Amino acid sequence: MIDVYFEQEEEANTFYQLVNSHDNEVCAKWERKTKFIVQLISESKEWNLCKDQIARFLSTVYIMHRELPMIESILKKKYYFTNEEEIERITSIARSLLEKDECVYEHRIHQHELRDTLSTIFSLHLEPPEIRFDSIVHFRLHLYIEQLTEMIGLAIDEFKREEDYQSFIHSLREFIKRKAPEEDVVHVVQGETFEFYRGNGSILMKHEVEELRERFPLFIFGLEHGEWNISPLIMLAPKHVIMYGNNPQEAQTHTVMNIFQEKFSFYPLTAFPFSNHEQKES
């Protein structure tokens, strides 16, 4: 029999429920004393057979009850954040990185298997017949905390990028709001380079876009000189943008949607109303 000690009743209860809700080598009994003790009983004589399971359950207890407060503590004490809204947003990004539930972060997390690190640390410090959860948490998680701090740094970088992106979008919205429209409606066909059509179906030629560019210094918004997908729409500032394609989640399409908001509509390519696009394709 192994006694697992907890100082918090909620954590003891979570561990107890985890052990007994799985088909394991061990089962649990719970004694409610000054320090909450969950007793583990195993039919197997091989400690290593149930050691990894116990480590996973203890790491899950930590994730459920301690990880979020630890992230917030690191943000305040290591990175000196004080604004609660910013802390909440960065914490959300950090959890997405840890849980790998955002494909946009996929390229940033392959080297940061923190949940595996946490489970391994618990496994290395399980010493029967007594296991003290809080002792491991307070004195043995240094490597995990270091890696978590690095992960939070990535979350902060992502937060700053999102802030810059929102500032970029806001400045373009304000520009469009103040500028007189060059066209009532612009039809846009998705592609590596977008195609732009006026309301009467005539295509907007590249030299026409160049002439518009001379009148509006879009570099002040951070749009590069060779950028041809977003710039024409900003310069035309139409009352409505109608886009046709097969992927409404495409990055630049998503940006156009964020800029024009209720002035933006998306339809499948088959709904494109003019024939000159088909002629161009053939």
Foldseek 3Di string as FASTA:
>chain_A
DAKEWAQDPVLLVQLQCLQCVDPAQWHWDWDDDNITIIAIDGPDPDPVRCLLVSLLSLLVSCVVPPPLVLQLVCCCPVVNDDDPVLSVQLSVLLVCLQVVPDVVCVVPRPVQPLSVVSSVQSSVPDDPNYHYSVCCVVPGCPVSSVSSSVSSVVSVVVSVVVVLLVVLLVVLLVLLVPDDAQAQEWEWEDDPAIWIAGPVGHTQDPVNLVVLCVVDVCVVSVDDPPDHHVSSCSSRSHQAYEYEDDDCVPPVNVSNCSNNPVRYHYYYNVPDDDCVVVVVVD
